[in-house]
Amino acid sequence: MATITEQKAKLVSLVWFSAMTLMAGAAPNLKVGETLPELKGEFLTGRTAVLPTAASGRVALLLVGFSYDSRFQVEAWAKRFRADFDKNPQVTFYEVPMISGMARMGKWFIDSGMRKGTPKADQENVITVYGGVDPWKQRLGFKDAKHA
């Protein structure tokens, strides 16, 4: 088992890699060190979710996807993150599917499908966001529907 220091080093590397990956595609409006703008959604458990409040006191990795295809990258990142940090209570992650357009009309079906495919223990790590997606696409430099 890795020590806390080793886990922190891995987390710093993971966050750095994530930031560099994002910036390689486009210059995001959200800069390192800035406070995350409030992001409201709903956990798969049905509770209201508000970031950054939900992650208060912990380092959090946000895995944001804007399309059905982006789920593959989100799931891969979540798997890797859990392998490295699952036992560390100082860190957490949130999968954040951001859904816009006509797909919002299928909220009940979409959320129901995600609940069925997500173990109950993990449902507080998934925050669905319906609407208000375009500012987040701009903020994060979104370009490719397959990318998270």
C-alpha atoms as a PDB file:
ATOM      1  CA  MET A   1       0.000   0.000   0.000  1.00  0.00           C
ATOM      2  CA  ALA A   2       1.305   3.439  -0.920  1.00  0.00           C
ATOM      3  CA  THR A   3       2.078   5.953   1.800  1.00  0.00           C
ATOM      4  CA  ILE A   4       0.158   9.227   2.081  1.00  0.00           C
ATOM      5  CA  THR A   5       3.202  11.041   0.630  1.00  0.00           C
ATOM      6  CA  GLU A   6       3.285   8.690  -2.369  1.00  0.00           C
ATOM      7  CA  GLN A   7      -0.474   9.132  -2.841  1.00  0.00           C
ATOM      8  CA  LYS A   8      -0.125  12.928  -2.734  1.00  0.00           C
ATOM      9  CA  ALA A   9       2.683  12.767  -5.313  1.00  0.00           C
ATOM     10  CA  LYS A  10       0.492  10.620  -7.578  1.00  0.00           C
ATOM     11  CA  LEU A  11      -2.423  13.034  -7.124  1.00  0.00           C
ATOM     12  CA  VAL A  12      -0.265  16.038  -8.011  1.00  0.00           C
ATOM     13  CA  SER A  13       0.940  14.186 -11.108  1.00  0.00           C
ATOM     14  CA  LEU A  14      -2.611  13.228 -12.084  1.00  0.00           C
ATOM     15  CA  VAL A  15      -3.919  16.783 -11.627  1.00  0.00           C
ATOM     16  CA  TRP A  16      -0.941  18.205 -13.530  1.00  0.00           C
ATOM     17  CA  PHE A  17      -1.478  15.722 -16.381  1.00  0.00           C
ATOM     18  CA  SER A  18      -5.188  16.602 -16.472  1.00  0.00           C
ATOM     19  CA  ALA A  19      -4.440  20.324 -16.609  1.00  0.00           C
ATOM     20  CA  MET A  20      -1.843  19.887 -19.349  1.00  0.00           C
ATOM     21  CA  THR A  21      -4.183  17.674 -21.359  1.00  0.00           C
ATOM     22  CA  LEU A  22      -6.938  20.277 -21.136  1.00  0.00           C
ATOM     23  CA  MET A  23      -4.650  23.141 -22.093  1.00  0.00           C
ATOM     24  CA  ALA A  24      -3.210  21.262 -25.070  1.00  0.00           C
ATOM     25  CA  GLY A  25      -6.619  21.345 -26.787  1.00  0.00           C
ATOM     26  CA  ALA A  26      -7.568  24.928 -25.983  1.00  0.00           C
ATOM     27  CA  ALA A  27      -6.916  27.629 -23.450  1.00  0.00           C
ATOM     28  CA  PRO A  28      -9.681  27.129 -20.880  1.00  0.00           C
ATOM     29  CA  ASN A  29     -11.254  30.113 -19.200  1.00  0.00           C
ATOM     30  CA  LEU A  30     -10.957  28.351 -15.844  1.00  0.00           C
ATOM     31  CA  LYS A  31      -7.405  28.898 -14.597  1.00  0.00           C
ATOM     32  CA  VAL A  32      -5.421  26.829 -12.111  1.00  0.00           C
ATOM     33  CA  GLY A  33      -5.849  28.315  -8.643  1.00  0.00           C
ATOM     34  CA  GLU A  34      -9.238  29.915  -9.331  1.00  0.00           C
ATOM     35  CA  THR A  35     -12.214  28.919  -7.249  1.00  0.00           C
ATOM     36  CA  LEU A  36     -14.516  26.603  -9.139  1.00  0.00           C
ATOM     37  CA  PRO A  37     -17.691  28.453 -10.118  1.00  0.00           C
ATOM     38  CA  GLU A  38     -20.766  26.960  -8.490  1.00  0.00           C
ATOM     39  CA  LEU A  39     -21.966  23.881 -10.349  1.00  0.00           C
ATOM     40  CA  LYS A  40     -25.416  22.569  -9.429  1.00  0.00           C
ATOM     41  CA  GLY A  41     -26.772  19.167 -10.292  1.00  0.00           C
ATOM     42  CA  GLU A  42     -28.138  16.048  -8.689  1.00  0.00           C
ATOM     43  CA  PHE A  43     -26.399  12.994  -7.283  1.00  0.00           C
ATOM     44  CA  LEU A  44     -27.731   9.706  -8.630  1.00  0.00           C
ATOM     45  CA  THR A  45     -29.163   9.173  -5.143  1.00  0.00           C
ATOM     46  CA  GLY A  46     -31.546  12.068  -5.852  1.00  0.00           C
ATOM     47  CA  ARG A  47     -29.907  14.535  -3.467  1.00  0.00           C
ATOM     48  CA  THR A  48     -29.050  18.025  -4.687  1.00  0.00           C
ATOM     49  CA  ALA A  49     -25.349  18.415  -5.441  1.00  0.00           C
ATOM     50  CA  VAL A  50     -23.448  21.686  -5.395  1.00  0.00           C
ATOM     51  CA  LEU A  51     -19.767  21.928  -6.209  1.00  0.00           C
ATOM     52  CA  PRO A  52     -17.386  22.974  -4.796  1.00  0.00           C
ATOM     53  CA  THR A  53     -19.370  22.657  -1.531  1.00  0.00           C
ATOM     54  CA  ALA A  54     -19.817  18.863  -1.852  1.00  0.00           C
ATOM     55  CA  ALA A  55     -16.028  18.413  -1.959  1.00  0.00           C
ATOM     56  CA  SER A  56     -15.314  20.773   0.930  1.00  0.00           C
ATOM     57  CA  GLY A  57     -12.099  19.919   2.766  1.00  0.00           C
ATOM     58  CA  ARG A  58     -10.893  17.432   0.147  1.00  0.00           C
ATOM     59  CA  VAL A  59      -9.014  17.488  -3.113  1.00  0.00           C
ATOM     60  CA  ALA A  60     -11.466  16.554  -5.862  1.00  0.00           C
ATOM     61  CA  LEU A  61     -11.002  15.385  -9.414  1.00  0.00           C
ATOM     62  CA  LEU A  62     -13.918  16.360 -11.655  1.00  0.00           C
ATOM     63  CA  LEU A  63     -14.506  14.079 -14.626  1.00  0.00           C
ATOM     64  CA  VAL A  64     -16.719  16.142 -16.918  1.00  0.00           C
ATOM     65  CA  GLY A  65     -18.292  14.763 -20.065  1.00  0.00           C
ATOM     66  CA  PHE A  66     -20.584  16.475 -22.552  1.00  0.00           C
ATOM     67  CA  SER A  67     -21.572  13.487 -24.683  1.00  0.00           C
ATOM     68  CA  TYR A  68     -22.507   9.834 -24.470  1.00  0.00           C
ATOM     69  CA  ASP A  69     -19.175   8.919 -26.098  1.00  0.00           C
ATOM     70  CA  SER A  70     -17.164  10.796 -23.458  1.00  0.00           C
ATOM     71  CA  ARG A  71     -18.227   8.215 -20.864  1.00  0.00           C
ATOM     72  CA  PHE A  72     -15.373   5.941 -21.982  1.00  0.00           C
ATOM     73  CA  GLN A  73     -12.764   8.497 -20.936  1.00  0.00           C
ATOM     74  CA  VAL A  74     -14.658   9.339 -17.746  1.00  0.00           C
ATOM     75  CA  GLU A  75     -14.858   5.680 -16.756  1.00  0.00           C
ATOM     76  CA  ALA A  76     -11.162   5.116 -17.519  1.00  0.00           C
ATOM     77  CA  TRP A  77     -10.124   8.109 -15.399  1.00  0.00           C
ATOM     78  CA  ALA A  78     -12.407   7.034 -12.536  1.00  0.00           C
ATOM     79  CA  LYS A  79     -10.948   3.520 -12.581  1.00  0.00           C
ATOM     80  CA  ARG A  80      -7.387   4.850 -12.500  1.00  0.00           C
ATOM     81  CA  PHE A  81      -8.200   7.386  -9.783  1.00  0.00           C
ATOM     82  CA  ARG A  82      -9.789   4.717  -7.587  1.00  0.00           C
ATOM     83  CA  ALA A  83      -6.810   2.409  -8.045  1.00  0.00           C
ATOM     84  CA  ASP A  84      -4.493   5.127  -6.739  1.00  0.00           C
ATOM     85  CA  PHE A  85      -6.622   6.988  -4.177  1.00  0.00           C
ATOM     86  CA  ASP A  86      -9.623   4.895  -3.112  1.00  0.00           C
ATOM     87  CA  LYS A  87      -8.392   4.482   0.476  1.00  0.00           C
ATOM     88  CA  ASN A  88      -7.439   8.140   0.966  1.00  0.00           C
ATOM     89  CA  PRO A  89     -10.227  10.125   2.699  1.00  0.00           C
ATOM     90  CA  GLN A  90      -8.533  13.421   1.765  1.00  0.00           C
ATOM     91  CA  VAL A  91      -9.407  13.024  -1.921  1.00  0.00           C
ATOM     92  CA  THR A  92     -12.530  12.288  -3.920  1.00  0.00           C
ATOM     93  CA  PHE A  93     -13.791  12.418  -7.463  1.00  0.00           C
ATOM     94  CA  TYR A  94     -17.037  13.229  -9.208  1.00  0.00           C
ATOM     95  CA  GLU A  95     -18.229  12.029 -12.585  1.00  0.00           C
ATOM     96  CA  VAL A  96     -20.201  14.935 -14.029  1.00  0.00           C
ATOM     97  CA  PRO A  97     -22.248  14.171 -17.151  1.00  0.00           C
ATOM     98  CA  MET A  98     -23.471  17.521 -18.500  1.00  0.00           C
ATOM     99  CA  ILE A  99     -26.588  17.109 -20.619  1.00  0.00           C
ATOM    100  CA  SER A 100     -28.124  19.716 -22.903  1.00  0.00           C
ATOM    101  CA  GLY A 101     -30.495  20.120 -25.797  1.00  0.00           C
ATOM    102  CA  MET A 102     -33.313  17.699 -26.421  1.00  0.00           C
ATOM    103  CA  ALA A 103     -31.634  15.050 -24.253  1.00  0.00           C
ATOM    104  CA  ARG A 104     -32.807  17.028 -21.204  1.00  0.00           C
ATOM    105  CA  MET A 105     -36.326  15.840 -21.963  1.00  0.00           C
ATOM    106  CA  GLY A 106     -35.154  12.292 -21.221  1.00  0.00           C
ATOM    107  CA  LYS A 107     -33.871  13.124 -17.718  1.00  0.00           C
ATOM    108  CA  TRP A 108     -35.877  10.390 -16.019  1.00  0.00           C
ATOM    109  CA  PHE A 109     -34.704   7.721 -18.489  1.00  0.00           C
ATOM    110  CA  ILE A 110     -31.093   8.920 -18.493  1.00  0.00           C
ATOM    111  CA  ASP A 111     -30.837   9.076 -14.696  1.00  0.00           C
ATOM    112  CA  SER A 112     -32.611   5.725 -14.335  1.00  0.00           C
ATOM    113  CA  GLY A 113     -30.161   4.081 -16.732  1.00  0.00           C
ATOM    114  CA  MET A 114     -27.174   5.587 -14.923  1.00  0.00           C
ATOM    115  CA  ARG A 115     -28.535   4.395 -11.551  1.00  0.00           C
ATOM    116  CA  LYS A 116     -28.891   0.852 -12.902  1.00  0.00           C
ATOM    117  CA  GLY A 117     -25.310   0.908 -14.206  1.00  0.00           C
ATOM    118  CA  THR A 118     -23.771   2.470 -11.097  1.00  0.00           C
ATOM    119  CA  PRO A 119     -23.353   0.579  -7.802  1.00  0.00           C
ATOM    120  CA  LYS A 120     -25.244   2.261  -4.920  1.00  0.00           C
ATOM    121  CA  ALA A 121     -21.955   2.918  -3.119  1.00  0.00           C
ATOM    122  CA  ASP A 122     -20.813   5.040  -6.087  1.00  0.00           C
ATOM    123  CA  GLN A 123     -24.003   7.019  -6.719  1.00  0.00           C
ATOM    124  CA  GLU A 124     -22.794   9.944  -4.586  1.00  0.00           C
ATOM    125  CA  ASN A 125     -19.820  10.246  -6.968  1.00  0.00           C
ATOM    126  CA  VAL A 126     -22.009  10.935 -10.016  1.00  0.00           C
ATOM    127  CA  ILE A 127     -23.582  14.365 -10.460  1.00  0.00           C
ATOM    128  CA  THR A 128     -25.898  14.851 -13.423  1.00  0.00           C
ATOM    129  CA  VAL A 129     -26.221  18.402 -14.702  1.00  0.00           C
ATOM    130  CA  TYR A 130     -29.070  19.343 -17.034  1.00  0.00           C
ATOM    131  CA  GLY A 131     -28.825  22.696 -18.766  1.00  0.00           C
ATOM    132  CA  GLY A 132     -26.322  25.535 -18.488  1.00  0.00           C
ATOM    133  CA  VAL A 133     -23.852  23.401 -20.425  1.00  0.00           C
ATOM    134  CA  ASP A 134     -22.500  25.906 -22.974  1.00  0.00           C
ATOM    135  CA  PRO A 135     -20.678  28.117 -20.437  1.00  0.00           C
ATOM    136  CA  TRP A 136     -18.969  24.998 -19.053  1.00  0.00           C
ATOM    137  CA  LYS A 137     -17.929  23.890 -22.541  1.00  0.00           C
ATOM    138  CA  GLN A 138     -16.314  27.281 -23.027  1.00  0.00           C
ATOM    139  CA  ARG A 139     -14.827  27.337 -19.531  1.00  0.00           C
ATOM    140  CA  LEU A 140     -13.188  23.933 -20.071  1.00  0.00           C
ATOM    141  CA  GLY A 141     -12.182  24.402 -23.711  1.00  0.00           C
ATOM    142  CA  PHE A 142     -14.431  21.606 -24.971  1.00  0.00           C
ATOM    143  CA  LYS A 143     -13.795  20.672 -28.607  1.00  0.00           C
ATOM    144  CA  ASP A 144     -14.318  16.939 -29.276  1.00  0.00           C
ATOM    145  CA  ALA A 145     -17.514  15.087 -28.338  1.00  0.00           C
ATOM    146  CA  LYS A 146     -15.561  11.908 -27.579  1.00  0.00           C
ATOM    147  CA  HIS A 147     -13.330  13.630 -25.041  1.00  0.00           C
ATOM    148  CA  ALA A 148     -14.017  14.249 -21.397  1.00  0.00           C
END
